PDB file of N, CA and C in Angstrom:
ATOM      1  N   MET A   1     140.574 -69.350  82.073  1.00  0.00           N
ATOM      2  CA  MET A   1     139.942 -70.260  83.014  1.00  0.00           C
ATOM      3  C   MET A   1     138.422 -70.118  82.939  1.00  0.00           C
ATOM      4  N   PRO A   2     137.731 -71.230  82.875  1.00  0.00           N
ATOM      5  CA  PRO A   2     136.267 -71.167  82.859  1.00  0.00           C
ATOM      6  C   PRO A   2     135.713 -70.856  84.244  1.00  0.00           C
ATOM      7  N   THR A   3     134.472 -70.407  84.259  1.00  0.00           N
ATOM      8  CA  THR A   3     133.773 -70.185  85.522  1.00  0.00           C
ATOM      9  C   THR A   3     133.147 -71.505  85.968  1.00  0.00           C
ATOM     10  N   LYS A   4     132.677 -71.544  87.200  1.00  0.00           N
ATOM     11  CA  LYS A   4     132.019 -72.741  87.716  1.00  0.00           C
ATOM     12  C   LYS A   4     130.788 -73.080  86.875  1.00  0.00           C
ATOM     13  N   THR A   5     130.018 -72.060  86.499  1.00  0.00           N
ATOM     14  CA  THR A   5     128.816 -72.297  85.692  1.00  0.00           C
ATOM     15  C   THR A   5     129.192 -72.803  84.305  1.00  0.00           C
ATOM     16  N   GLU A   6     130.228 -72.237  83.698  1.00  0.00           N
ATOM     17  CA  GLU A   6     130.677 -72.738  82.388  1.00  0.00           C
ATOM     18  C   GLU A   6     131.091 -74.204  82.491  1.00  0.00           C
ATOM     19  N   LEU A   7     131.738 -74.573  83.581  1.00  0.00           N
ATOM     20  CA  LEU A   7     132.118 -75.973  83.782  1.00  0.00           C
ATOM     21  C   LEU A   7     130.879 -76.861  83.889  1.00  0.00           C
ATOM     22  N   GLU A   8     129.849 -76.370  84.577  1.00  0.00           N
ATOM     23  CA  GLU A   8     128.610 -77.140  84.710  1.00  0.00           C
ATOM     24  C   GLU A   8     127.937 -77.358  83.354  1.00  0.00           C
ATOM     25  N   PHE A   9     128.101 -76.419  82.432  1.00  0.00           N
ATOM     26  CA  PHE A   9     127.472 -76.496  81.117  1.00  0.00           C
ATOM     27  C   PHE A   9     128.449 -76.968  80.031  1.00  0.00           C
ATOM     28  N   SER A  10     129.619 -77.444  80.434  1.00  0.00           N
ATOM     29  CA  SER A  10     130.669 -77.769  79.459  1.00  0.00           C
ATOM     30  C   SER A  10     130.262 -78.834  78.442  1.00  0.00           C
ATOM     31  N   ASP A  11     129.366 -79.736  78.803  1.00  0.00           N
ATOM     32  CA  ASP A  11     128.921 -80.767  77.867  1.00  0.00           C
ATOM     33  C   ASP A  11     127.960 -80.218  76.807  1.00  0.00           C
ATOM     34  N   GLU A  12     127.441 -79.007  77.035  1.00  0.00           N
ATOM     35  CA  GLU A  12     126.441 -78.452  76.122  1.00  0.00           C
ATOM     36  C   GLU A  12     126.939 -77.237  75.346  1.00  0.00           C
ATOM     37  N   GLY A  13     128.145 -76.800  75.637  1.00  0.00           N
ATOM     38  CA  GLY A  13     128.722 -75.657  74.943  1.00  0.00           C
ATOM     39  C   GLY A  13     130.049 -76.035  74.333  1.00  0.00           C
ATOM     40  N   VAL A  14     130.714 -75.033  73.760  1.00  0.00           N
ATOM     41  CA  VAL A  14     131.997 -75.241  73.098  1.00  0.00           C
ATOM     42  C   VAL A  14     132.965 -74.158  73.564  1.00  0.00           C
ATOM     43  N   GLN A  15     134.147 -74.569  73.958  1.00  0.00           N
ATOM     44  CA  GLN A  15     135.199 -73.623  74.321  1.00  0.00           C
ATOM     45  C   GLN A  15     136.016 -73.336  73.068  1.00  0.00           C
ATOM     46  N   VAL A  16     136.048 -72.077  72.640  1.00  0.00           N
ATOM     47  CA  VAL A  16     136.844 -71.660  71.479  1.00  0.00           C
ATOM     48  C   VAL A  16     137.824 -70.603  71.978  1.00  0.00           C
ATOM     49  N   GLY A  17     139.074 -71.006  72.170  1.00  0.00           N
ATOM     50  CA  GLY A  17     140.040 -70.099  72.775  1.00  0.00           C
ATOM     51  C   GLY A  17     139.588 -69.772  74.186  1.00  0.00           C
ATOM     52  N   SER A  18     139.429 -68.492  74.474  1.00  0.00           N
ATOM     53  CA  SER A  18     138.996 -68.075  75.806  1.00  0.00           C
ATOM     54  C   SER A  18     137.489 -67.843  75.893  1.00  0.00           C
ATOM     55  N   VAL A  19     136.760 -68.173  74.811  1.00  0.00           N
ATOM     56  CA  VAL A  19     135.328 -67.883  74.736  1.00  0.00           C
ATOM     57  C   VAL A  19     134.524 -69.179  74.845  1.00  0.00           C
ATOM     58  N   PHE A  20     133.567 -69.220  75.789  1.00  0.00           N
ATOM     59  CA  PHE A  20     132.669 -70.360  75.938  1.00  0.00           C
ATOM     60  C   PHE A  20     131.345 -69.995  75.298  1.00  0.00           C
ATOM     61  N   ILE A  21     130.953 -70.712  74.229  1.00  0.00           N
ATOM     62  CA  ILE A  21     129.727 -70.380  73.494  1.00  0.00           C
ATOM     63  C   ILE A  21     128.724 -71.524  73.552  1.00  0.00           C
ATOM     64  N   MET A  22     127.450 -71.137  73.443  1.00  0.00           N
ATOM     65  CA  MET A  22     126.341 -72.093  73.510  1.00  0.00           C
ATOM     66  C   MET A  22     125.295 -71.719  72.472  1.00  0.00           C
ATOM     67  N   ASN A  23     124.507 -72.702  72.032  1.00  0.00           N
ATOM     68  CA  ASN A  23     123.395 -72.363  71.149  1.00  0.00           C
ATOM     69  C   ASN A  23     122.352 -71.609  71.976  1.00  0.00           C
ATOM     70  N   PRO A  24     121.397 -70.952  71.334  1.00  0.00           N
ATOM     71  CA  PRO A  24     120.459 -70.096  72.081  1.00  0.00           C
ATOM     72  C   PRO A  24     119.683 -70.804  73.189  1.00  0.00           C
ATOM     73  N   SER A  25     119.210 -72.028  72.950  1.00  0.00           N
ATOM     74  CA  SER A  25     118.399 -72.696  73.979  1.00  0.00           C
ATOM     75  C   SER A  25     119.237 -73.044  75.213  1.00  0.00           C
ATOM     76  N   VAL A  26     120.474 -73.449  75.007  1.00  0.00           N
ATOM     77  CA  VAL A  26     121.365 -73.728  76.146  1.00  0.00           C
ATOM     78  C   VAL A  26     121.712 -72.425  76.855  1.00  0.00           C
ATOM     79  N   ALA A  27     121.964 -71.363  76.087  1.00  0.00           N
ATOM     80  CA  ALA A  27     122.289 -70.064  76.690  1.00  0.00           C
ATOM     81  C   ALA A  27     121.142 -69.567  77.570  1.00  0.00           C
ATOM     82  N   ILE A  28     119.900 -69.835  77.165  1.00  0.00           N
ATOM     83  CA  ILE A  28     118.747 -69.441  77.982  1.00  0.00           C
ATOM     84  C   ILE A  28     118.790 -70.172  79.321  1.00  0.00           C
ATOM     85  N   ARG A  29     119.045 -71.471  79.305  1.00  0.00           N
ATOM     86  CA  ARG A  29     119.135 -72.228  80.551  1.00  0.00           C
ATOM     87  C   ARG A  29     120.312 -71.755  81.399  1.00  0.00           C
ATOM     88  N   PHE A  30     121.401 -71.377  80.734  1.00  0.00           N
ATOM     89  CA  PHE A  30     122.576 -70.837  81.427  1.00  0.00           C
ATOM     90  C   PHE A  30     122.188 -69.556  82.177  1.00  0.00           C
ATOM     91  N   VAL A  31     121.469 -68.659  81.509  1.00  0.00           N
ATOM     92  CA  VAL A  31     121.045 -67.397  82.139  1.00  0.00           C
ATOM     93  C   VAL A  31     120.071 -67.677  83.284  1.00  0.00           C
ATOM     94  N   GLU A  32     119.165 -68.631  83.088  1.00  0.00           N
ATOM     95  CA  GLU A  32     118.234 -68.992  84.167  1.00  0.00           C
ATOM     96  C   GLU A  32     119.004 -69.513  85.382  1.00  0.00           C
ATOM     97  N   HIS A  33     120.025 -70.322  85.136  1.00  0.00           N
ATOM     98  CA  HIS A  33     120.868 -70.823  86.233  1.00  0.00           C
ATOM     99  C   HIS A  33     121.553 -69.653  86.950  1.00  0.00           C
ATOM    100  N   CYS A  34     122.057 -68.708  86.176  1.00  0.00           N
ATOM    101  CA  CYS A  34     122.703 -67.525  86.774  1.00  0.00           C
ATOM    102  C   CYS A  34     121.714 -66.768  87.654  1.00  0.00           C
ATOM    103  N   GLN A  35     120.484 -66.600  87.160  1.00  0.00           N
ATOM    104  CA  GLN A  35     119.473 -65.889  87.927  1.00  0.00           C
ATOM    105  C   GLN A  35     119.200 -66.607  89.246  1.00  0.00           C
ATOM    106  N   GLU A  36     119.039 -67.925  89.200  1.00  0.00           N
ATOM    107  CA  GLU A  36     118.765 -68.706  90.409  1.00  0.00           C
ATOM    108  C   GLU A  36     119.941 -68.673  91.377  1.00  0.00           C
ATOM    109  N   SER A  37     121.150 -68.509  90.844  1.00  0.00           N
ATOM    110  CA  SER A  37     122.360 -68.539  91.671  1.00  0.00           C
ATOM    111  C   SER A  37     122.835 -67.165  92.102  1.00  0.00           C
ATOM    112  N   GLY A  38     122.127 -66.117  91.700  1.00  0.00           N
ATOM    113  CA  GLY A  38     122.512 -64.764  92.079  1.00  0.00           C
ATOM    114  C   GLY A  38     123.714 -64.226  91.317  1.00  0.00           C
ATOM    115  N   ILE A  39     123.962 -64.760  90.130  1.00  0.00           N
ATOM    116  CA  ILE A  39     125.080 -64.309  89.295  1.00  0.00           C
ATOM    117  C   ILE A  39     124.566 -63.241  88.333  1.00  0.00           C
ATOM    118  N   THR A  40     125.196 -62.084  88.324  1.00  0.00           N
ATOM    119  CA  THR A  40     124.794 -60.982  87.456  1.00  0.00           C
ATOM    120  C   THR A  40     125.135 -61.301  86.009  1.00  0.00           C
ATOM    121  N   VAL A  41     124.200 -60.985  85.103  1.00  0.00           N
ATOM    122  CA  VAL A  41     124.423 -61.141  83.665  1.00  0.00           C
ATOM    123  C   VAL A  41     124.524 -59.745  83.052  1.00  0.00           C
ATOM    124  N   PHE A  42     125.626 -59.500  82.348  1.00  0.00           N
ATOM    125  CA  PHE A  42     125.862 -58.200  81.714  1.00  0.00           C
ATOM    126  C   PHE A  42     125.431 -58.175  80.254  1.00  0.00           C
ATOM    127  N   GLY A  43     125.025 -59.333  79.707  1.00  0.00           N
ATOM    128  CA  GLY A  43     124.591 -59.409  78.319  1.00  0.00           C
ATOM    129  C   GLY A  43     125.158 -60.637  77.646  1.00  0.00           C
ATOM    130  N   VAL A  44     125.049 -60.664  76.312  1.00  0.00           N
ATOM    131  CA  VAL A  44     125.558 -61.789  75.532  1.00  0.00           C
ATOM    132  C   VAL A  44     126.280 -61.265  74.294  1.00  0.00           C
ATOM    133  N   GLU A  45     127.228 -62.065  73.836  1.00  0.00           N
ATOM    134  CA  GLU A  45     127.944 -61.795  72.595  1.00  0.00           C
ATOM    135  C   GLU A  45     127.612 -62.915  71.629  1.00  0.00           C
ATOM    136  N   GLY A  46     127.155 -62.561  70.432  1.00  0.00           N
ATOM    137  CA  GLY A  46     126.798 -63.553  69.438  1.00  0.00           C
ATOM    138  C   GLY A  46     127.955 -63.841  68.494  1.00  0.00           C
ATOM    139  N   PHE A  47     128.049 -65.098  68.067  1.00  0.00           N
ATOM    140  CA  PHE A  47     129.111 -65.535  67.169  1.00  0.00           C
ATOM    141  C   PHE A  47     128.574 -66.529  66.151  1.00  0.00           C
ATOM    142  N   LEU A  48     129.102 -66.475  64.943  1.00  0.00           N
ATOM    143  CA  LEU A  48     128.924 -67.564  63.998  1.00  0.00           C
ATOM    144  C   LEU A  48     130.084 -68.511  64.220  1.00  0.00           C
ATOM    145  N   ARG A  49     129.810 -69.798  64.103  1.00  0.00           N
ATOM    146  CA  ARG A  49     130.836 -70.810  64.360  1.00  0.00           C
ATOM    147  C   ARG A  49     131.183 -71.526  63.066  1.00  0.00           C
ATOM    148  N   PHE A  50     132.466 -71.596  62.796  1.00  0.00           N
ATOM    149  CA  PHE A  50     132.987 -72.287  61.624  1.00  0.00           C
ATOM    150  C   PHE A  50     134.021 -73.298  62.110  1.00  0.00           C
ATOM    151  N   GLY A  51     133.568 -74.518  62.442  1.00  0.00           N
ATOM    152  CA  GLY A  51     134.474 -75.514  62.993  1.00  0.00           C
ATOM    153  C   GLY A  51     135.024 -75.044  64.319  1.00  0.00           C
ATOM    154  N   ASP A  52     136.344 -74.859  64.376  1.00  0.00           N
ATOM    155  CA  ASP A  52     136.967 -74.412  65.623  1.00  0.00           C
ATOM    156  C   ASP A  52     137.270 -72.911  65.608  1.00  0.00           C
ATOM    157  N   GLN A  53     136.584 -72.180  64.732  1.00  0.00           N
ATOM    158  CA  GLN A  53     136.755 -70.725  64.675  1.00  0.00           C
ATOM    159  C   GLN A  53     135.395 -70.048  64.839  1.00  0.00           C
ATOM    160  N   ILE A  54     135.436 -68.813  65.340  1.00  0.00           N
ATOM    161  CA  ILE A  54     134.206 -68.043  65.525  1.00  0.00           C
ATOM    162  C   ILE A  54     134.367 -66.656  64.927  1.00  0.00           C
ATOM    163  N   GLN A  55     133.232 -66.088  64.536  1.00  0.00           N
ATOM    164  CA  GLN A  55     133.211 -64.732  63.990  1.00  0.00           C
ATOM    165  C   GLN A  55     132.163 -63.931  64.763  1.00  0.00           C
ATOM    166  N   PRO A  56     132.563 -62.820  65.407  1.00  0.00           N
ATOM    167  CA  PRO A  56     131.615 -62.003  66.169  1.00  0.00           C
ATOM    168  C   PRO A  56     130.478 -61.480  65.286  1.00  0.00           C
ATOM    169  N   GLN A  57     129.290 -61.409  65.866  1.00  0.00           N
ATOM    170  CA  GLN A  57     128.104 -60.890  65.188  1.00  0.00           C
ATOM    171  C   GLN A  57     127.508 -59.773  66.047  1.00  0.00           C
ATOM    172  N   GLN A  58     127.931 -58.563  65.771  1.00  0.00           N
ATOM    173  CA  GLN A  58     127.531 -57.415  66.595  1.00  0.00           C
ATOM    174  C   GLN A  58     126.016 -57.274  66.691  1.00  0.00           C
ATOM    175  N   GLU A  59     125.298 -57.556  65.600  1.00  0.00           N
ATOM    176  CA  GLU A  59     123.838 -57.408  65.613  1.00  0.00           C
ATOM    177  C   GLU A  59     123.145 -58.462  66.474  1.00  0.00           C
ATOM    178  N   HIS A  60     123.902 -59.482  66.895  1.00  0.00           N
ATOM    179  CA  HIS A  60     123.357 -60.519  67.773  1.00  0.00           C
ATOM    180  C   HIS A  60     124.022 -60.460  69.146  1.00  0.00           C
ATOM    181  N   SER A  61     124.421 -59.269  69.542  1.00  0.00           N
ATOM    182  CA  SER A  61     125.050 -59.058  70.845  1.00  0.00           C
ATOM    183  C   SER A  61     124.305 -57.949  71.579  1.00  0.00           C
ATOM    184  N   CYS A  62     124.267 -58.053  72.881  1.00  0.00           N
ATOM    185  CA  CYS A  62     123.684 -56.977  73.683  1.00  0.00           C
ATOM    186  C   CYS A  62     124.451 -56.898  74.987  1.00  0.00           C
ATOM    187  N   ASP A  63     124.643 -55.697  75.466  1.00  0.00           N
ATOM    188  CA  ASP A  63     125.264 -55.544  76.772  1.00  0.00           C
ATOM    189  C   ASP A  63     124.600 -54.405  77.500  1.00  0.00           C
ATOM    190  N   TYR A  64     124.679 -54.486  78.804  1.00  0.00           N
ATOM    191  CA  TYR A  64     124.044 -53.499  79.670  1.00  0.00           C
ATOM    192  C   TYR A  64     125.141 -52.704  80.356  1.00  0.00           C
ATOM    193  N   GLU A  65     125.013 -51.393  80.300  1.00  0.00           N
ATOM    194  CA  GLU A  65     126.047 -50.528  80.882  1.00  0.00           C
ATOM    195  C   GLU A  65     126.195 -50.751  82.378  1.00  0.00           C
ATOM    196  N   SER A  66     125.105 -51.102  83.019  1.00  0.00           N
ATOM    197  CA  SER A  66     125.183 -51.408  84.444  1.00  0.00           C
ATOM    198  C   SER A  66     124.238 -52.566  84.724  1.00  0.00           C
ATOM    199  N   PRO A  67     124.588 -53.397  85.671  1.00  0.00           N
ATOM    200  CA  PRO A  67     123.718 -54.535  85.988  1.00  0.00           C
ATOM    201  C   PRO A  67     122.382 -54.044  86.533  1.00  0.00           C
ATOM    202  N   SER A  68     121.334 -54.755  86.201  1.00  0.00           N
ATOM    203  CA  SER A  68     120.016 -54.408  86.726  1.00  0.00           C
ATOM    204  C   SER A  68     119.270 -55.684  87.062  1.00  0.00           C
ATOM    205  N   ASP A  69     118.195 -55.507  87.800  1.00  0.00           N
ATOM    206  CA  ASP A  69     117.366 -56.661  88.140  1.00  0.00           C
ATOM    207  C   ASP A  69     116.733 -57.268  86.894  1.00  0.00           C
ATOM    208  N   ASP A  70     116.618 -56.478  85.826  1.00  0.00           N
ATOM    209  CA  ASP A  70     116.002 -56.954  84.592  1.00  0.00           C
ATOM    210  C   ASP A  70     116.993 -57.643  83.665  1.00  0.00           C
ATOM    211  N   GLY A  71     118.280 -57.648  84.014  1.00  0.00           N
ATOM    212  CA  GLY A  71     119.302 -58.191  83.123  1.00  0.00           C
ATOM    213  C   GLY A  71     119.034 -59.619  82.683  1.00  0.00           C
ATOM    214  N   HIS A  72     118.604 -60.454  83.609  1.00  0.00           N
ATOM    215  CA  HIS A  72     118.343 -61.852  83.266  1.00  0.00           C
ATOM    216  C   HIS A  72     117.167 -61.956  82.301  1.00  0.00           C
ATOM    217  N   SER A  73     116.050 -61.304  82.626  1.00  0.00           N
ATOM    218  CA  SER A  73     114.865 -61.422  81.770  1.00  0.00           C
ATOM    219  C   SER A  73     115.088 -60.751  80.415  1.00  0.00           C
ATOM    220  N   LEU A  74     115.803 -59.628  80.384  1.00  0.00           N
ATOM    221  CA  LEU A  74     116.111 -58.986  79.103  1.00  0.00           C
ATOM    222  C   LEU A  74     116.979 -59.895  78.229  1.00  0.00           C
ATOM    223  N   THR A  75     117.949 -60.539  78.838  1.00  0.00           N
ATOM    224  CA  THR A  75     118.837 -61.435  78.102  1.00  0.00           C
ATOM    225  C   THR A  75     118.079 -62.652  77.595  1.00  0.00           C
ATOM    226  N   ILE A  76     117.211 -63.217  78.424  1.00  0.00           N
ATOM    227  CA  ILE A  76     116.419 -64.370  77.999  1.00  0.00           C
ATOM    228  C   ILE A  76     115.520 -63.988  76.824  1.00  0.00           C
ATOM    229  N   GLY A  77     114.889 -62.818  76.888  1.00  0.00           N
ATOM    230  CA  GLY A  77     114.054 -62.353  75.783  1.00  0.00           C
ATOM    231  C   GLY A  77     114.864 -62.172  74.508  1.00  0.00           C
ATOM    232  N   PHE A  78     116.059 -61.602  74.637  1.00  0.00           N
ATOM    233  CA  PHE A  78     116.954 -61.401  73.498  1.00  0.00           C
ATOM    234  C   PHE A  78     117.298 -62.749  72.864  1.00  0.00           C
ATOM    235  N   LEU A  79     117.619 -63.733  73.691  1.00  0.00           N
ATOM    236  CA  LEU A  79     117.980 -65.067  73.190  1.00  0.00           C
ATOM    237  C   LEU A  79     116.781 -65.778  72.570  1.00  0.00           C
ATOM    238  N   LYS A  80     115.597 -65.637  73.159  1.00  0.00           N
ATOM    239  CA  LYS A  80     114.397 -66.277  72.607  1.00  0.00           C
ATOM    240  C   LYS A  80     114.108 -65.775  71.194  1.00  0.00           C
ATOM    241  N   ASP A  81     114.428 -64.514  70.937  1.00  0.00           N
ATOM    242  CA  ASP A  81     114.227 -63.955  69.591  1.00  0.00           C
ATOM    243  C   ASP A  81     115.196 -64.564  68.582  1.00  0.00           C
ATOM    244  N   ARG A  82     116.182 -65.312  69.040  1.00  0.00           N
ATOM    245  CA  ARG A  82     117.214 -65.868  68.160  1.00  0.00           C
ATOM    246  C   ARG A  82     117.270 -67.400  68.210  1.00  0.00           C
ATOM    247  N   LEU A  83     116.206 -68.021  68.701  1.00  0.00           N
ATOM    248  CA  LEU A  83     116.183 -69.480  68.800  1.00  0.00           C
ATOM    249  C   LEU A  83     116.312 -70.169  67.445  1.00  0.00           C
ATOM    250  N   GLU A  84     115.821 -69.552  66.406  1.00  0.00           N
ATOM    251  CA  GLU A  84     115.827 -70.171  65.074  1.00  0.00           C
ATOM    252  C   GLU A  84     117.060 -69.789  64.257  1.00  0.00           C
ATOM    253  N   THR A  85     118.079 -69.252  64.895  1.00  0.00           N
ATOM    254  CA  THR A  85     119.293 -68.854  64.170  1.00  0.00           C
ATOM    255  C   THR A  85     120.409 -69.872  64.401  1.00  0.00           C
ATOM    256  N   ASN A  86     121.482 -69.724  63.646  1.00  0.00           N
ATOM    257  CA  ASN A  86     122.666 -70.568  63.847  1.00  0.00           C
ATOM    258  C   ASN A  86     123.742 -69.799  64.606  1.00  0.00           C
ATOM    259  N   VAL A  87     123.321 -68.781  65.357  1.00  0.00           N
ATOM    260  CA  VAL A  87     124.241 -67.966  66.143  1.00  0.00           C
ATOM    261  C   VAL A  87     124.470 -68.645  67.496  1.00  0.00           C
ATOM    262  N   TRP A  88     125.726 -68.642  67.933  1.00  0.00           N
ATOM    263  CA  TRP A  88     126.121 -69.170  69.237  1.00  0.00           C
ATOM    264  C   TRP A  88     126.415 -67.981  70.145  1.00  0.00           C
ATOM    265  N   PHE A  89     126.245 -68.166  71.451  1.00  0.00           N
ATOM    266  CA  PHE A  89     126.343 -67.040  72.378  1.00  0.00           C
ATOM    267  C   PHE A  89     127.283 -67.304  73.544  1.00  0.00           C
ATOM    268  N   GLU A  90     128.039 -66.253  73.867  1.00  0.00           N
ATOM    269  CA  GLU A  90     128.784 -66.204  75.108  1.00  0.00           C
ATOM    270  C   GLU A  90     127.958 -65.358  76.068  1.00  0.00           C
ATOM    271  N   VAL A  91     127.688 -65.871  77.248  1.00  0.00           N
ATOM    272  CA  VAL A  91     126.977 -65.108  78.268  1.00  0.00           C
ATOM    273  C   VAL A  91     128.019 -64.437  79.152  1.00  0.00           C
ATOM    274  N   VAL A  92     127.922 -63.118  79.261  1.00  0.00           N
ATOM    275  CA  VAL A  92     128.885 -62.339  80.028  1.00  0.00           C
ATOM    276  C   VAL A  92     128.327 -62.116  81.434  1.00  0.00           C
ATOM    277  N   THR A  93     129.060 -62.603  82.450  1.00  0.00           N
ATOM    278  CA  THR A  93     128.605 -62.528  83.833  1.00  0.00           C
ATOM    279  C   THR A  93     129.679 -61.910  84.718  1.00  0.00           C
ATOM    280  N   ASP A  94     129.315 -61.727  85.989  1.00  0.00           N
ATOM    281  CA  ASP A  94     130.294 -61.249  86.963  1.00  0.00           C
ATOM    282  C   ASP A  94     130.929 -62.401  87.736  1.00  0.00           C
ATOM    283  N   GLU A  95     130.676 -63.641  87.303  1.00  0.00           N
ATOM    284  CA  GLU A  95     131.219 -64.799  88.012  1.00  0.00           C
ATOM    285  C   GLU A  95     132.713 -64.914  87.756  1.00  0.00           C
ATOM    286  N   PRO A  96     133.515 -65.012  88.814  1.00  0.00           N
ATOM    287  CA  PRO A  96     134.964 -65.123  88.612  1.00  0.00           C
ATOM    288  C   PRO A  96     135.337 -66.493  88.041  1.00  0.00           C
ATOM    289  N   ALA A  97     136.464 -66.540  87.360  1.00  0.00           N
ATOM    290  CA  ALA A  97     136.971 -67.809  86.849  1.00  0.00           C
ATOM    291  C   ALA A  97     137.249 -68.750  88.013  1.00  0.00           C
ATOM    292  N   ASP A  98     136.982 -70.017  87.788  1.00  0.00           N
ATOM    293  CA  ASP A  98     137.135 -71.018  88.841  1.00  0.00           C
ATOM    294  C   ASP A  98     138.604 -71.358  89.064  1.00  0.00           C
TER     295      ASP A  98
END
């Protein structure tokens, strides 16, 4: 089940199985929305996309052992460094499925 925020961004991302992925610029706006809405961000998982399949990219993933006030800005900075890539991102949050 998608989260409310994933549903709001459904026109700009892609659902692949249970994973909702977005290009870096959309993922940045997604994280900004989470910050404005008080939704904790635990990090992002990067994927290469091949049609309707994805391949995890560990070097394009980051996670935080515990949520912090810096989680949103750290994640946005991480994504900005990858704007010129073809990597898609799942944003990991504490938002429950809708």
